[in-house]
Amino acid sequence: MSRSSPLRALEPLNRPSVADTVFDELHQQILSLELPPGMKMSEAEVAKALGVSRQPVRDAFYRLSKLGFLSIRPQRATIVSEISERAVFQARFVRSAIEAETVRAACEKLTEEDHKALDDLLELQRKAVEARDAVEFHAYDDQFHREICERTGLAFAWEIIRENKAHMDRVRFLSLSFASQAALDDHVKVLEAIKARDSTSAMALMHLHLSRIKEQIPRIRANYSEFFAGETEQ
């Protein structure tokens, strides 16, 4: 007599693992510069502070290093990576190329329901601007870009972007002290072009939106020079 596998009774677990929770916490603290570039990181100290074992911290460190946030040096201290201006511009190039094509596709594929969901995100961004909450704004900013990809059926595009944008993220976060309203205004114009199914305008507006970092980075570097690596790239 055949016996059914006991695995049939199991369902996928959706709750985050301890390693995911540790990763999310460290990712946010590095992004917001609570853990600034150049800071030494210890698996043992992080594990003690978060009340977890060292293994999930080790896993989180590895994931953060692959994104470019940590520099893991064998037999030496792990440090929060300095911001690489070269990596910022490389990430901008990747994002601009991919997201221009994404909004072109969005003009063809997104529905009124999708437009409404993106409008709702813009409203959350407005509230974050009014509250001067950079952490909230950055989260909704990321979500706006991600959802355009996902709702267009191009979730893989966001994964490529996510893997390349760590250095850009920290610069963008620093820019929000003076440029959050401009970022919101750009998002509004991009969405208006998507709704109008004007792919030429949507692509041009996305290029413009993502290129603003080239104008912002000299000001940010002047104010936070200690966060940057020595190299530059125009």
Protein backbone atom coordinates (compact mmCIF):
# COMPACT_ATOMS: atom_id res chain seq x y z
CA MET A 1 0.00 0.00 0.00
CA SER A 2 1.42 3.35 -0.97
CA ARG A 3 1.90 5.97 1.67
CA SER A 4 1.60 9.66 0.96
CA SER A 5 4.61 11.77 1.82
CA PRO A 6 4.32 13.63 5.15
CA LEU A 7 5.68 16.65 3.29
CA ARG A 8 2.28 17.10 1.64
CA ALA A 9 0.97 18.49 4.90
CA LEU A 10 3.59 21.21 5.07
CA GLU A 11 3.02 24.69 3.73
CA PRO A 12 5.61 27.31 2.76
CA LEU A 13 6.69 29.53 5.62
CA ASN A 14 6.19 33.20 4.83
CA ARG A 15 7.51 34.64 8.07
CA PRO A 16 11.02 36.07 7.84
CA SER A 17 13.93 34.07 9.14
CA VAL A 18 16.19 35.37 11.88
CA ALA A 19 18.86 36.02 9.23
CA ASP A 20 16.34 38.05 7.19
CA THR A 21 15.44 40.12 10.25
CA VAL A 22 19.10 40.76 11.06
CA PHE A 23 19.79 41.65 7.42
CA ASP A 24 16.86 44.08 7.28
CA GLU A 25 17.91 45.80 10.51
CA LEU A 26 21.56 46.21 9.48
CA HIS A 27 20.59 47.21 5.94
CA GLN A 28 18.39 50.01 7.26
CA GLN A 29 21.00 51.24 9.73
CA ILE A 30 23.70 51.31 7.06
CA LEU A 31 21.40 53.00 4.55
CA SER A 32 20.38 55.69 7.05
CA LEU A 33 24.05 56.08 8.09
CA GLU A 34 23.35 55.14 11.70
CA LEU A 35 26.16 52.71 10.90
CA PRO A 36 28.41 55.11 8.96
CA PRO A 37 31.05 54.26 6.34
CA GLY A 38 34.28 53.10 7.93
CA MET A 39 32.64 51.74 11.08
CA LYS A 40 34.03 48.41 12.26
CA MET A 41 31.50 45.60 12.62
CA SER A 42 31.86 42.52 14.82
CA GLU A 43 29.71 39.41 14.39
CA ALA A 44 29.89 38.78 18.11
CA GLU A 45 28.91 42.33 19.07
CA VAL A 46 26.03 42.49 16.59
CA ALA A 47 24.78 39.09 17.71
CA LYS A 48 24.84 40.20 21.34
CA ALA A 49 23.13 43.53 20.58
CA LEU A 50 20.33 41.84 18.60
CA GLY A 51 20.00 38.85 20.92
CA VAL A 52 20.71 36.24 18.24
CA SER A 53 23.38 33.65 17.52
CA ARG A 54 26.37 34.47 15.33
CA GLN A 55 25.23 32.37 12.33
CA PRO A 56 22.37 34.65 11.17
CA VAL A 57 24.67 37.63 11.65
CA ARG A 58 27.31 35.92 9.52
CA ASP A 59 24.68 35.23 6.85
CA ALA A 60 23.50 38.87 6.95
CA PHE A 61 27.09 40.15 6.74
CA TYR A 62 27.66 38.03 3.62
CA ARG A 63 24.48 39.31 1.94
CA LEU A 64 25.38 42.92 2.79
CA SER A 65 28.88 42.43 1.40
CA LYS A 66 27.47 41.12 -1.88
CA LEU A 67 25.38 44.30 -2.15
CA GLY A 68 28.44 46.44 -1.50
CA PHE A 69 27.53 47.67 1.98
CA LEU A 70 30.19 45.75 3.94
CA SER A 71 33.83 44.96 3.31
CA ILE A 72 34.66 41.58 4.86
CA ARG A 73 38.39 41.13 5.26
CA PRO A 74 39.59 37.70 6.51
CA GLN A 75 41.49 37.90 9.78
CA ARG A 76 40.74 41.62 9.93
CA ALA A 77 37.79 43.74 10.97
CA THR A 78 34.66 43.87 8.83
CA ILE A 79 33.85 47.49 8.04
CA VAL A 80 30.95 49.42 6.56
CA SER A 81 32.08 50.24 3.03
CA GLU A 82 32.89 53.81 2.11
CA ILE A 83 30.65 55.28 -0.55
CA SER A 84 32.24 54.80 -3.95
CA GLU A 85 31.44 57.66 -6.33
CA ARG A 86 32.40 55.36 -9.19
CA ALA A 87 29.89 52.76 -7.98
CA VAL A 88 27.22 55.46 -7.61
CA PHE A 89 27.55 56.46 -11.26
CA GLN A 90 27.72 52.85 -12.41
CA ALA A 91 24.49 52.14 -10.53
CA ARG A 92 22.88 55.22 -12.02
CA PHE A 93 23.80 54.02 -15.50
CA VAL A 94 22.31 50.58 -14.87
CA ARG A 95 19.15 52.00 -13.30
CA SER A 96 18.64 54.59 -16.01
CA ALA A 97 18.95 52.03 -18.81
CA ILE A 98 16.69 49.46 -17.17
CA GLU A 99 14.06 51.78 -15.71
CA ALA A 100 13.64 53.74 -18.93
CA GLU A 101 12.68 50.49 -20.63
CA THR A 102 10.49 49.56 -17.68
CA VAL A 103 8.41 52.74 -17.88
CA ARG A 104 8.14 52.30 -21.64
CA ALA A 105 6.57 48.90 -21.01
CA ALA A 106 4.47 50.33 -18.17
CA CYS A 107 2.88 52.79 -20.60
CA GLU A 108 1.56 49.82 -22.56
CA LYS A 109 0.69 47.40 -19.78
CA LEU A 110 -0.40 49.16 -16.61
CA THR A 111 -4.12 49.31 -15.85
CA GLU A 112 -6.20 51.92 -14.05
CA GLU A 113 -5.94 49.74 -10.94
CA ASP A 114 -2.16 49.87 -11.20
CA HIS A 115 -2.31 53.65 -11.68
CA LYS A 116 -4.42 53.96 -8.53
CA ALA A 117 -1.95 51.89 -6.50
CA LEU A 118 0.92 54.10 -7.66
CA ASP A 119 -1.11 57.23 -6.88
CA ASP A 120 -1.58 55.89 -3.35
CA LEU A 121 2.19 55.49 -3.03
CA LEU A 122 2.70 59.08 -4.15
CA GLU A 123 0.30 60.21 -1.44
CA LEU A 124 2.36 58.36 1.16
CA GLN A 125 5.44 60.09 -0.24
CA ARG A 126 3.73 63.48 0.10
CA LYS A 127 3.00 62.77 3.75
CA ALA A 128 6.61 61.72 4.34
CA VAL A 129 7.84 64.97 2.74
CA GLU A 130 5.50 67.01 4.95
CA ALA A 131 6.70 65.11 8.02
CA ARG A 132 10.36 65.50 6.94
CA ASP A 133 10.73 61.75 7.40
CA ALA A 134 13.61 60.70 5.16
CA VAL A 135 13.45 57.04 6.19
CA GLU A 136 9.77 56.74 5.27
CA PHE A 137 10.20 58.70 2.06
CA HIS A 138 13.10 56.55 0.92
CA ALA A 139 11.11 53.38 1.59
CA TYR A 140 8.13 54.63 -0.44
CA ASP A 141 10.48 55.96 -3.14
CA ASP A 142 11.98 52.49 -3.54
CA GLN A 143 8.54 50.91 -3.49
CA PHE A 144 7.34 53.23 -6.28
CA HIS A 145 10.18 52.16 -8.57
CA ARG A 146 9.86 48.51 -7.58
CA GLU A 147 6.12 48.37 -8.17
CA ILE A 148 6.43 49.86 -11.64
CA CYS A 149 8.75 46.94 -12.44
CA GLU A 150 6.60 44.30 -10.76
CA ARG A 151 3.24 45.53 -12.05
CA THR A 152 4.68 45.61 -15.56
CA GLY A 153 5.72 41.96 -15.22
CA LEU A 154 9.42 42.84 -15.01
CA ALA A 155 10.20 41.92 -11.41
CA PHE A 156 13.55 40.52 -12.52
CA ALA A 157 14.55 44.04 -13.57
CA TRP A 158 14.16 45.28 -10.00
CA GLU A 159 16.31 42.40 -8.74
CA ILE A 160 19.11 43.51 -11.08
CA ILE A 161 18.71 47.10 -9.89
CA ARG A 162 18.64 46.09 -6.22
CA GLU A 163 21.89 44.19 -6.57
CA ASN A 164 23.67 47.22 -8.03
CA LYS A 165 22.38 50.23 -6.12
CA ALA A 166 23.82 50.06 -2.59
CA HIS A 167 26.23 53.00 -2.97
CA MET A 168 23.60 55.02 -4.83
CA ASP A 169 21.08 54.36 -2.04
CA ARG A 170 23.18 56.07 0.60
CA VAL A 171 23.80 59.11 -1.57
CA ARG A 172 20.10 59.32 -2.39
CA PHE A 173 19.27 59.08 1.31
CA LEU A 174 21.64 61.96 2.08
CA SER A 175 20.07 64.01 -0.73
CA LEU A 176 16.61 63.80 0.84
CA SER A 177 17.48 66.55 3.33
CA PHE A 178 17.20 69.01 0.45
CA ALA A 179 15.75 67.14 -2.54
CA SER A 180 12.79 65.04 -1.38
CA GLN A 181 10.20 67.41 -2.87
CA ALA A 182 12.01 67.39 -6.21
CA ALA A 183 12.07 63.58 -6.17
CA LEU A 184 8.34 63.50 -5.46
CA ASP A 185 7.67 66.00 -8.27
CA ASP A 186 9.63 63.76 -10.65
CA HIS A 187 7.58 60.72 -9.61
CA VAL A 188 4.34 62.60 -10.23
CA LYS A 189 5.46 63.56 -13.76
CA VAL A 190 6.61 60.01 -14.55
CA LEU A 191 3.27 58.59 -13.46
CA GLU A 192 1.37 61.22 -15.45
CA ALA A 193 3.28 60.16 -18.58
CA ILE A 194 2.57 56.48 -17.85
CA LYS A 195 -1.14 57.22 -17.46
CA ALA A 196 -1.10 59.13 -20.75
CA ARG A 197 0.68 56.16 -22.34
CA ASP A 198 3.33 58.60 -23.55
CA SER A 199 6.35 56.32 -23.59
CA THR A 200 8.73 58.94 -25.06
CA SER A 201 8.01 61.38 -22.23
CA ALA A 202 8.02 58.65 -19.55
CA MET A 203 11.46 57.44 -20.63
CA ALA A 204 12.89 60.97 -20.81
CA LEU A 205 11.47 61.84 -17.40
CA MET A 206 12.91 58.71 -15.82
CA HIS A 207 16.33 59.47 -17.30
CA LEU A 208 16.10 63.01 -15.91
CA HIS A 209 14.95 61.78 -12.49
CA LEU A 210 17.82 59.33 -12.09
CA SER A 211 20.41 61.76 -13.50
CA ARG A 212 19.79 64.35 -10.77
CA ILE A 213 22.23 62.49 -8.54
CA LYS A 214 25.05 63.75 -10.79
CA GLU A 215 24.18 67.32 -9.78
CA GLN A 216 23.63 66.43 -6.11
CA ILE A 217 26.74 64.39 -5.37
CA PRO A 218 29.26 67.29 -5.29
CA ARG A 219 27.16 69.02 -2.61
CA ILE A 220 26.76 65.80 -0.64
CA ARG A 221 30.44 64.95 -0.90
CA ALA A 222 31.38 68.44 0.26
CA ASN A 223 29.25 67.99 3.39
CA TYR A 224 30.14 64.34 4.08
CA SER A 225 33.60 63.89 2.63
CA GLU A 226 34.52 61.41 5.37
CA PHE A 227 31.92 58.95 4.03
CA PHE A 228 33.46 58.72 0.55
CA ALA A 229 36.27 56.66 -0.91
CA GLY A 230 39.12 58.60 -2.49
CA GLU A 231 38.33 57.82 -6.13
CA THR A 232 35.99 59.87 -8.32
CA GLU A 233 34.36 59.34 -11.69
CA GLN A 234 32.57 61.87 -13.83
